C-alpha atoms as a PDB file:
ATOM      1  CA  MET A   1       0.000   0.000   0.000  1.00  0.00           C
ATOM      2  CA  ALA A   2       1.369   3.424  -0.933  1.00  0.00           C
ATOM      3  CA  GLU A   3       1.825   5.887   1.884  1.00  0.00           C
ATOM      4  CA  SER A   4      -0.345   9.012   1.932  1.00  0.00           C
ATOM      5  CA  ALA A   5       1.379  12.125   0.650  1.00  0.00           C
ATOM      6  CA  THR A   6       2.456  14.704   3.188  1.00  0.00           C
ATOM      7  CA  ALA A   7       2.745  18.467   2.828  1.00  0.00           C
ATOM      8  CA  THR A   8       6.455  18.147   2.125  1.00  0.00           C
ATOM      9  CA  ASP A   9       5.831  15.618  -0.687  1.00  0.00           C
ATOM     10  CA  VAL A  10       3.449  17.804  -2.703  1.00  0.00           C
ATOM     11  CA  SER A  11       4.626  20.987  -4.387  1.00  0.00           C
ATOM     12  CA  PRO A  12       2.391  24.104  -4.459  1.00  0.00           C
ATOM     13  CA  ALA A  13       1.857  23.587  -8.188  1.00  0.00           C
ATOM     14  CA  GLU A  14       0.778  19.973  -7.691  1.00  0.00           C
ATOM     15  CA  ARG A  15      -1.488  20.994  -4.818  1.00  0.00           C
ATOM     16  CA  ALA A  16      -3.221  23.559  -7.024  1.00  0.00           C
ATOM     17  CA  ALA A  17      -3.757  20.960  -9.755  1.00  0.00           C
ATOM     18  CA  LEU A  18      -5.130  18.430  -7.277  1.00  0.00           C
ATOM     19  CA  LYS A  19      -7.550  21.013  -5.902  1.00  0.00           C
ATOM     20  CA  GLU A  20      -8.813  21.885  -9.399  1.00  0.00           C
ATOM     21  CA  VAL A  21      -9.379  18.211 -10.218  1.00  0.00           C
ATOM     22  CA  ALA A  22     -11.309  17.775  -6.966  1.00  0.00           C
ATOM     23  CA  LEU A  23     -13.443  20.866  -7.635  1.00  0.00           C
ATOM     24  CA  GLU A  24     -14.332  19.476 -11.061  1.00  0.00           C
ATOM     25  CA  GLY A  25     -15.674  16.291  -9.472  1.00  0.00           C
ATOM     26  CA  GLY A  26     -12.544  14.204  -9.128  1.00  0.00           C
ATOM     27  CA  LEU A  27     -13.483  12.855  -5.705  1.00  0.00           C
ATOM     28  CA  SER A  28     -15.662  10.453  -7.678  1.00  0.00           C
ATOM     29  CA  GLU A  29     -14.508  10.609 -11.307  1.00  0.00           C
ATOM     30  CA  THR A  30     -14.334  13.410 -13.831  1.00  0.00           C
ATOM     31  CA  LYS A  31     -13.222  13.924 -17.396  1.00  0.00           C
ATOM     32  CA  VAL A  32     -10.263  16.304 -17.576  1.00  0.00           C
ATOM     33  CA  SER A  33      -8.948  18.258 -20.527  1.00  0.00           C
ATOM     34  CA  CYS A  34      -5.326  19.344 -20.127  1.00  0.00           C
ATOM     35  CA  ALA A  35      -6.115  22.542 -22.019  1.00  0.00           C
ATOM     36  CA  ALA A  36      -8.952  23.428 -19.626  1.00  0.00           C
ATOM     37  CA  LEU A  37      -6.885  22.479 -16.583  1.00  0.00           C
ATOM     38  CA  GLY A  38      -4.045  24.626 -17.909  1.00  0.00           C
ATOM     39  CA  ASP A  39      -6.414  27.600 -18.179  1.00  0.00           C
ATOM     40  CA  CYS A  40      -7.459  27.127 -14.542  1.00  0.00           C
ATOM     41  CA  LEU A  41      -3.845  26.937 -13.446  1.00  0.00           C
ATOM     42  CA  ASP A  42      -2.686  29.781 -15.719  1.00  0.00           C
ATOM     43  CA  ALA A  43      -0.282  27.298 -17.305  1.00  0.00           C
ATOM     44  CA  SER A  44       0.293  25.654 -20.663  1.00  0.00           C
ATOM     45  CA  THR A  45      -1.419  22.458 -21.787  1.00  0.00           C
ATOM     46  CA  GLN A  46       1.918  20.664 -21.528  1.00  0.00           C
ATOM     47  CA  THR A  47       2.445  21.877 -17.967  1.00  0.00           C
ATOM     48  CA  ALA A  48      -1.056  20.758 -16.962  1.00  0.00           C
ATOM     49  CA  SER A  49      -0.359  17.323 -18.457  1.00  0.00           C
ATOM     50  CA  ARG A  50       2.883  17.129 -16.489  1.00  0.00           C
ATOM     51  CA  ARG A  51       1.072  18.047 -13.272  1.00  0.00           C
ATOM     52  CA  LEU A  52      -1.353  15.157 -13.771  1.00  0.00           C
ATOM     53  CA  GLN A  53       1.537  12.801 -14.400  1.00  0.00           C
ATOM     54  CA  GLN A  54       3.197  13.958 -11.171  1.00  0.00           C
ATOM     55  CA  LEU A  55      -0.013  13.480  -9.194  1.00  0.00           C
ATOM     56  CA  GLU A  56      -0.416   9.995 -10.640  1.00  0.00           C
ATOM     57  CA  ALA A  57       3.202   9.118  -9.804  1.00  0.00           C
ATOM     58  CA  GLY A  58       2.552  10.265  -6.225  1.00  0.00           C
ATOM     59  CA  ASP A  59      -0.534   8.003  -5.962  1.00  0.00           C
ATOM     60  CA  LEU A  60      -2.770  11.049  -5.505  1.00  0.00           C
ATOM     61  CA  ILE A  61      -4.885  10.391  -8.607  1.00  0.00           C
ATOM     62  CA  GLU A  62      -5.742   7.563 -10.963  1.00  0.00           C
ATOM     63  CA  ARG A  63      -6.365   8.321 -14.622  1.00  0.00           C
ATOM     64  CA  GLU A  64      -7.364   6.680 -17.881  1.00  0.00           C
ATOM     65  CA  VAL A  65      -6.356   8.466 -21.086  1.00  0.00           C
ATOM     66  CA  VAL A  66      -8.993   8.414 -23.838  1.00  0.00           C
ATOM     67  CA  GLY A  67      -9.179  10.014 -27.274  1.00  0.00           C
ATOM     68  CA  ASP A  68     -10.614  13.362 -26.208  1.00  0.00           C
ATOM     69  CA  GLY A  69      -9.123  13.736 -22.735  1.00  0.00           C
ATOM     70  CA  GLN A  70      -8.728  11.575 -19.669  1.00  0.00           C
ATOM     71  CA  TRP A  71     -10.873  10.244 -16.875  1.00  0.00           C
ATOM     72  CA  VAL A  72      -9.392  11.175 -13.510  1.00  0.00           C
ATOM     73  CA  SER A  73     -10.311  10.179  -9.984  1.00  0.00           C
ATOM     74  CA  ILE A  74      -8.626  11.156  -6.729  1.00  0.00           C
ATOM     75  CA  THR A  75      -7.265   8.240  -4.712  1.00  0.00           C
ATOM     76  CA  ASP A  76      -7.750   7.670  -0.999  1.00  0.00           C
ATOM     77  CA  ALA A  77      -4.264   9.111  -0.471  1.00  0.00           C
ATOM     78  CA  GLY A  78      -5.204  12.183  -2.497  1.00  0.00           C
ATOM     79  CA  GLU A  79      -8.391  12.717  -0.539  1.00  0.00           C
ATOM     80  CA  ALA A  80      -6.501  12.272   2.738  1.00  0.00           C
ATOM     81  CA  TYR A  81      -4.028  14.940   1.636  1.00  0.00           C
ATOM     82  CA  LEU A  82      -6.829  17.377   0.749  1.00  0.00           C
ATOM     83  CA  ARG A  83      -8.543  16.710   4.065  1.00  0.00           C
ATOM     84  CA  GLY A  84      -5.298  17.581   5.826  1.00  0.00           C
ATOM     85  CA  GLU A  85      -5.226  20.885   3.935  1.00  0.00           C
ATOM     86  CA  TYR A  86      -8.875  21.458   4.852  1.00  0.00           C
ATOM     87  CA  ALA A  87      -8.112  20.856   8.517  1.00  0.00           C
ATOM     88  CA  ASP A  88      -5.320  23.448   8.394  1.00  0.00           C
ATOM     89  CA  TYR A  89      -7.700  26.095   7.057  1.00  0.00           C
ATOM     90  CA  ARG A  90     -10.331  25.194   9.634  1.00  0.00           C
ATOM     91  CA  ARG A  91      -7.752  25.819  12.342  1.00  0.00           C
ATOM     92  CA  LEU A  92      -7.067  29.242  10.791  1.00  0.00           C
ATOM     93  CA  PHE A  93     -10.665  30.400  10.546  1.00  0.00           C
ATOM     94  CA  GLU A  94     -12.676  28.248  12.965  1.00  0.00           C
ATOM     95  CA  THR A  95     -11.267  28.405  16.479  1.00  0.00           C
ATOM     96  CA  ASP A  96     -13.838  25.877  17.695  1.00  0.00           C
ATOM     97  CA  ALA A  97     -13.193  23.359  14.892  1.00  0.00           C
ATOM     98  CA  GLU A  98     -13.258  19.815  16.236  1.00  0.00           C
ATOM     99  CA  LEU A  99     -12.321  16.463  14.756  1.00  0.00           C
ATOM    100  CA  THR A 100     -14.272  13.479  16.054  1.00  0.00           C
ATOM    101  CA  LEU A 101     -13.820   9.992  14.639  1.00  0.00           C
ATOM    102  CA  SER A 102     -16.118   7.047  15.314  1.00  0.00           C
ATOM    103  CA  GLY A 103     -15.695   3.309  15.166  1.00  0.00           C
ATOM    104  CA  THR A 104     -15.938   0.013  16.985  1.00  0.00           C
ATOM    105  CA  VAL A 105     -13.596  -1.749  19.380  1.00  0.00           C
ATOM    106  CA  THR A 106     -11.722  -4.711  17.922  1.00  0.00           C
ATOM    107  CA  SER A 107      -9.080  -7.174  19.071  1.00  0.00           C
ATOM    108  CA  GLY A 108      -5.543  -6.614  17.818  1.00  0.00           C
ATOM    109  CA  MET A 109      -2.736  -9.076  17.170  1.00  0.00           C
ATOM    110  CA  GLY A 110      -0.818  -8.192  20.328  1.00  0.00           C
ATOM    111  CA  GLU A 111       1.984  -6.392  18.507  1.00  0.00           C
ATOM    112  CA  GLY A 112       1.171  -3.053  20.134  1.00  0.00           C
ATOM    113  CA  ARG A 113       1.841  -4.530  23.579  1.00  0.00           C
ATOM    114  CA  HIS A 114       5.318  -5.578  22.492  1.00  0.00           C
ATOM    115  CA  TYR A 115       6.387  -2.372  20.779  1.00  0.00           C
ATOM    116  CA  ILE A 116       5.178   0.260  23.232  1.00  0.00           C
ATOM    117  CA  THR A 117       6.969  -1.475  26.113  1.00  0.00           C
ATOM    118  CA  LEU A 118      10.366  -1.270  24.400  1.00  0.00           C
ATOM    119  CA  ASP A 119      12.735   1.030  26.273  1.00  0.00           C
ATOM    120  CA  GLY A 120      13.394   3.306  23.289  1.00  0.00           C
ATOM    121  CA  TYR A 121       9.693   4.099  22.978  1.00  0.00           C
ATOM    122  CA  MET A 122       8.781   4.023  26.669  1.00  0.00           C
ATOM    123  CA  ALA A 123      11.372   6.668  27.589  1.00  0.00           C
ATOM    124  CA  GLN A 124       9.898   9.009  24.961  1.00  0.00           C
ATOM    125  CA  PHE A 125       6.343   8.357  26.122  1.00  0.00           C
ATOM    126  CA  ARG A 126       7.263   9.278  29.678  1.00  0.00           C
ATOM    127  CA  GLU A 127       9.065  12.433  28.594  1.00  0.00           C
ATOM    128  CA  ARG A 128       6.773  13.641  25.820  1.00  0.00           C
ATOM    129  CA  LEU A 129       3.314  12.376  26.766  1.00  0.00           C
ATOM    130  CA  GLY A 130       3.785  12.660  30.507  1.00  0.00           C
ATOM    131  CA  TYR A 131       2.884   9.078  31.354  1.00  0.00           C
ATOM    132  CA  GLU A 132       3.944   5.465  30.961  1.00  0.00           C
ATOM    133  CA  PRO A 133       1.363   3.688  28.785  1.00  0.00           C
ATOM    134  CA  PHE A 134      -0.414   0.537  29.852  1.00  0.00           C
ATOM    135  CA  PRO A 135       1.301  -2.379  28.026  1.00  0.00           C
ATOM    136  CA  GLY A 136      -1.250  -2.765  25.255  1.00  0.00           C
ATOM    137  CA  THR A 137      -3.283  -0.708  22.814  1.00  0.00           C
ATOM    138  CA  LEU A 138      -7.004  -0.239  22.268  1.00  0.00           C
ATOM    139  CA  ASN A 139      -7.759  -1.114  18.644  1.00  0.00           C
ATOM    140  CA  VAL A 140     -10.516   0.802  16.869  1.00  0.00           C
ATOM    141  CA  GLU A 141     -12.029  -0.001  13.472  1.00  0.00           C
ATOM    142  CA  LEU A 142     -13.191   3.315  11.993  1.00  0.00           C
ATOM    143  CA  ASP A 143     -16.516   3.702  10.220  1.00  0.00           C
ATOM    144  CA  GLU A 144     -16.585   4.767   6.583  1.00  0.00           C
ATOM    145  CA  GLU A 145     -17.005   8.493   7.211  1.00  0.00           C
ATOM    146  CA  SER A 146     -14.197   8.516   9.781  1.00  0.00           C
ATOM    147  CA  VAL A 147     -11.843   6.750   7.364  1.00  0.00           C
ATOM    148  CA  ARG A 148     -12.462   9.622   4.943  1.00  0.00           C
ATOM    149  CA  ARG A 149     -11.861  12.201   7.695  1.00  0.00           C
ATOM    150  CA  ARG A 150      -8.707  10.523   8.972  1.00  0.00           C
ATOM    151  CA  GLY A 151      -6.640  12.738   6.683  1.00  0.00           C
ATOM    152  CA  GLU A 152      -7.581  15.705   8.892  1.00  0.00           C
ATOM    153  CA  PHE A 153      -5.015  14.447  11.398  1.00  0.00           C
ATOM    154  CA  GLY A 154      -2.558  16.281   9.156  1.00  0.00           C
ATOM    155  CA  GLY A 155      -3.884  19.601  10.482  1.00  0.00           C
ATOM    156  CA  VAL A 156      -3.781  18.636  14.171  1.00  0.00           C
ATOM    157  CA  ASP A 157      -0.939  19.387  16.585  1.00  0.00           C
ATOM    158  CA  ALA A 158       0.939  16.188  17.280  1.00  0.00           C
ATOM    159  CA  VAL A 159       3.661  14.809  19.531  1.00  0.00           C
ATOM    160  CA  PRO A 160       6.429  13.084  17.546  1.00  0.00           C
ATOM    161  CA  ILE A 161       8.010   9.843  18.705  1.00  0.00           C
ATOM    162  CA  ASP A 162      11.431   9.472  17.122  1.00  0.00           C
ATOM    163  CA  ALA A 163      12.931   6.426  15.455  1.00  0.00           C
ATOM    164  CA  TRP A 164      15.664   4.689  17.439  1.00  0.00           C
ATOM    165  CA  GLU A 165      17.893   1.666  17.178  1.00  0.00           C
ATOM    166  CA  ASP A 166      19.513  -0.978  19.344  1.00  0.00           C
ATOM    167  CA  ASP A 167      22.301  -3.416  18.551  1.00  0.00           C
ATOM    168  CA  GLU A 168      20.082  -5.505  16.287  1.00  0.00           C
ATOM    169  CA  ARG A 169      17.655  -3.281  14.378  1.00  0.00           C
ATOM    170  CA  THR A 170      16.097   0.121  13.827  1.00  0.00           C
ATOM    171  CA  PHE A 171      12.641   0.914  15.199  1.00  0.00           C
ATOM    172  CA  GLY A 172      10.467   3.356  13.273  1.00  0.00           C
ATOM    173  CA  ALA A 173       9.074   6.730  14.264  1.00  0.00           C
ATOM    174  CA  ALA A 174       5.451   7.410  15.176  1.00  0.00           C
ATOM    175  CA  THR A 175       3.094  10.317  15.805  1.00  0.00           C
ATOM    176  CA  CYS A 176       0.758  10.740  18.783  1.00  0.00           C
ATOM    177  CA  TYR A 177      -2.491  12.730  18.807  1.00  0.00           C
ATOM    178  CA  ALA A 178      -4.284  13.578  22.052  1.00  0.00           C
ATOM    179  CA  VAL A 179      -7.860  12.281  22.200  1.00  0.00           C
ATOM    180  CA  THR A 180     -10.777  12.039  24.571  1.00  0.00           C
ATOM    181  CA  LEU A 181     -12.536   8.679  24.293  1.00  0.00           C
ATOM    182  CA  VAL A 182     -16.290   8.444  24.692  1.00  0.00           C
ATOM    183  CA  ALA A 183     -17.894   5.015  24.986  1.00  0.00           C
ATOM    184  CA  ASP A 184     -21.178   4.022  23.311  1.00  0.00           C
ATOM    185  CA  GLY A 185     -20.328   6.072  20.233  1.00  0.00           C
ATOM    186  CA  GLY A 186     -20.298   9.355  22.149  1.00  0.00           C
ATOM    187  CA  ASP A 187     -23.028   8.880  24.764  1.00  0.00           C
ATOM    188  CA  GLY A 188     -21.228   7.019  27.540  1.00  0.00           C
ATOM    189  CA  ALA A 189     -18.293   7.250  29.919  1.00  0.00           C
ATOM    190  CA  THR A 190     -15.291   9.356  28.928  1.00  0.00           C
ATOM    191  CA  TYR A 191     -11.524   9.036  29.267  1.00  0.00           C
ATOM    192  CA  ASP A 192      -9.366  12.111  28.702  1.00  0.00           C
ATOM    193  CA  ASP A 193      -5.675  11.253  28.911  1.00  0.00           C
ATOM    194  CA  ALA A 194      -5.235   9.060  25.827  1.00  0.00           C
ATOM    195  CA  HIS A 195      -3.385   9.282  22.509  1.00  0.00           C
ATOM    196  CA  VAL A 196      -3.886   7.809  19.073  1.00  0.00           C
ATOM    197  CA  ILE A 197      -0.491   6.492  17.990  1.00  0.00           C
ATOM    198  CA  ILE A 198       0.216   6.222  14.266  1.00  0.00           C
ATOM    199  CA  PRO A 199       3.484   4.533  13.287  1.00  0.00           C
ATOM    200  CA  ASP A 200       5.226   5.790  10.168  1.00  0.00           C
ATOM    201  CA  ARG A 201       5.292   2.178   8.967  1.00  0.00           C
ATOM    202  CA  THR A 202       2.438  -0.144   9.820  1.00  0.00           C
ATOM    203  CA  HIS A 203       0.615  -3.204   8.489  1.00  0.00           C
ATOM    204  CA  HIS A 204      -2.725  -1.628   9.473  1.00  0.00           C
ATOM    205  CA  ASP A 205      -4.902  -0.136   6.752  1.00  0.00           C
ATOM    206  CA  GLU A 206      -6.530   3.321   6.944  1.00  0.00           C
ATOM    207  CA  SER A 207      -9.579   1.984   8.792  1.00  0.00           C
ATOM    208  CA  GLN A 208      -7.645   0.957  11.907  1.00  0.00           C
ATOM    209  CA  LEU A 209      -6.301   3.059  14.768  1.00  0.00           C
ATOM    210  CA  GLU A 210      -4.457   2.189  17.966  1.00  0.00           C
ATOM    211  CA  VAL A 211      -4.886   4.131  21.201  1.00  0.00           C
ATOM    212  CA  ILE A 212      -2.539   4.238  24.206  1.00  0.00           C
ATOM    213  CA  ALA A 213      -3.206   5.534  27.721  1.00  0.00           C
ATOM    214  CA  PRO A 214      -1.864   5.174  31.279  1.00  0.00           C
ATOM    215  CA  ASP A 215      -4.667   2.713  32.085  1.00  0.00           C
ATOM    216  CA  LYS A 216      -6.217  -0.354  30.470  1.00  0.00           C
ATOM    217  CA  LEU A 217      -8.922   1.352  28.445  1.00  0.00           C
ATOM    218  CA  ARG A 218     -11.143  -1.701  28.101  1.00  0.00           C
ATOM    219  CA  ASP A 219     -11.477  -1.795  31.883  1.00  0.00           C
ATOM    220  CA  GLU A 220     -11.767   1.960  32.391  1.00  0.00           C
ATOM    221  CA  LEU A 221     -14.598   2.278  29.853  1.00  0.00           C
ATOM    222  CA  ASP A 222     -16.011  -1.251  30.245  1.00  0.00           C
ATOM    223  CA  LEU A 223     -15.475  -2.004  26.553  1.00  0.00           C
ATOM    224  CA  GLU A 224     -15.975  -5.234  24.617  1.00  0.00           C
ATOM    225  CA  ASP A 225     -15.314  -6.072  20.983  1.00  0.00           C
ATOM    226  CA  GLY A 226     -17.938  -4.613  18.676  1.00  0.00           C
ATOM    227  CA  GLU A 227     -18.934  -1.740  20.970  1.00  0.00           C
ATOM    228  CA  SER A 228     -19.091   1.778  19.540  1.00  0.00           C
ATOM    229  CA  ILE A 229     -16.595   4.430  20.584  1.00  0.00           C
ATOM    230  CA  ALA A 230     -15.900   8.040  19.634  1.00  0.00           C
ATOM    231  CA  LEU A 231     -12.454   9.656  19.567  1.00  0.00           C
ATOM    232  CA  GLN A 232     -12.541  13.417  20.067  1.00  0.00           C
ATOM    233  CA  VAL A 233      -9.208  14.851  18.973  1.00  0.00           C
ATOM    234  CA  THR A 234      -8.139  17.484  21.499  1.00  0.00           C
ATOM    235  CA  PRO A 235      -5.434  20.169  21.608  1.00  0.00           C
ATOM    236  CA  ASP A 236      -2.328  19.001  23.468  1.00  0.00           C
ATOM    237  CA  SER A 237       0.086  21.594  24.885  1.00  0.00           C
ATOM    238  CA  ARG A 238       2.845  18.966  24.756  1.00  0.00           C
ATOM    239  CA  ALA A 239       2.667  19.113  20.959  1.00  0.00           C
ATOM    240  CA  ASP A 240       3.526  22.826  21.047  1.00  0.00           C
ATOM    241  CA  GLU A 241       6.404  22.121  23.421  1.00  0.00           C
ATOM    242  CA  GLU A 242       7.786  19.450  21.068  1.00  0.00           C
ATOM    243  CA  SER A 243       7.655  21.778  18.053  1.00  0.00           C
ATOM    244  CA  ALA A 244       9.217  24.726  19.908  1.00  0.00           C
END
């Protein structure tokens, strides 16, 4: 699976082209003329064609060239990138903007328990999150709408967890986002001091998230597999400290 593009991967010119494709209906599928796209971008037909090629190479769009143009659709990675841009602008103009994701509790494979207890990660958790996580993660399967909104994490302050290595191997970096958990899909008990942790490299697909906290969340919120849960992404002052 290709990784979603980040702000540093996409040039301003490519971002403008992606936005124009989306506005023309590319979130489903739309027919694109390079000449018309060039007019929108104040660029030549050849430049517009090159922009589409760059977006395709970056896994941000899929396209099928036909005789009188090309059919273009924005990929999941492309939509996630645009949602990250959208979240940035919401933070600029909507001070009360909130990101809430919903899903159901699932059982993981036990890998989270192993990795978060490693010394190289645990020392960073203590220093940067302010607590030592319970040895295990709460696994959440996101609903369809929340999978689409997951890209908005790109506009949320985050706490970085750095890559590190021991004598045998290198362990990858991750990013932590502060969340408040609400059981029963948003109508039940709450838990404030938790973080979604997203590894830079993971076998999980976009529908799955892992959550860490000082306590065993299943016990704290009386959760079983299949129960609904909401994750309200909250500002975290520690993120500002890390970026300072």
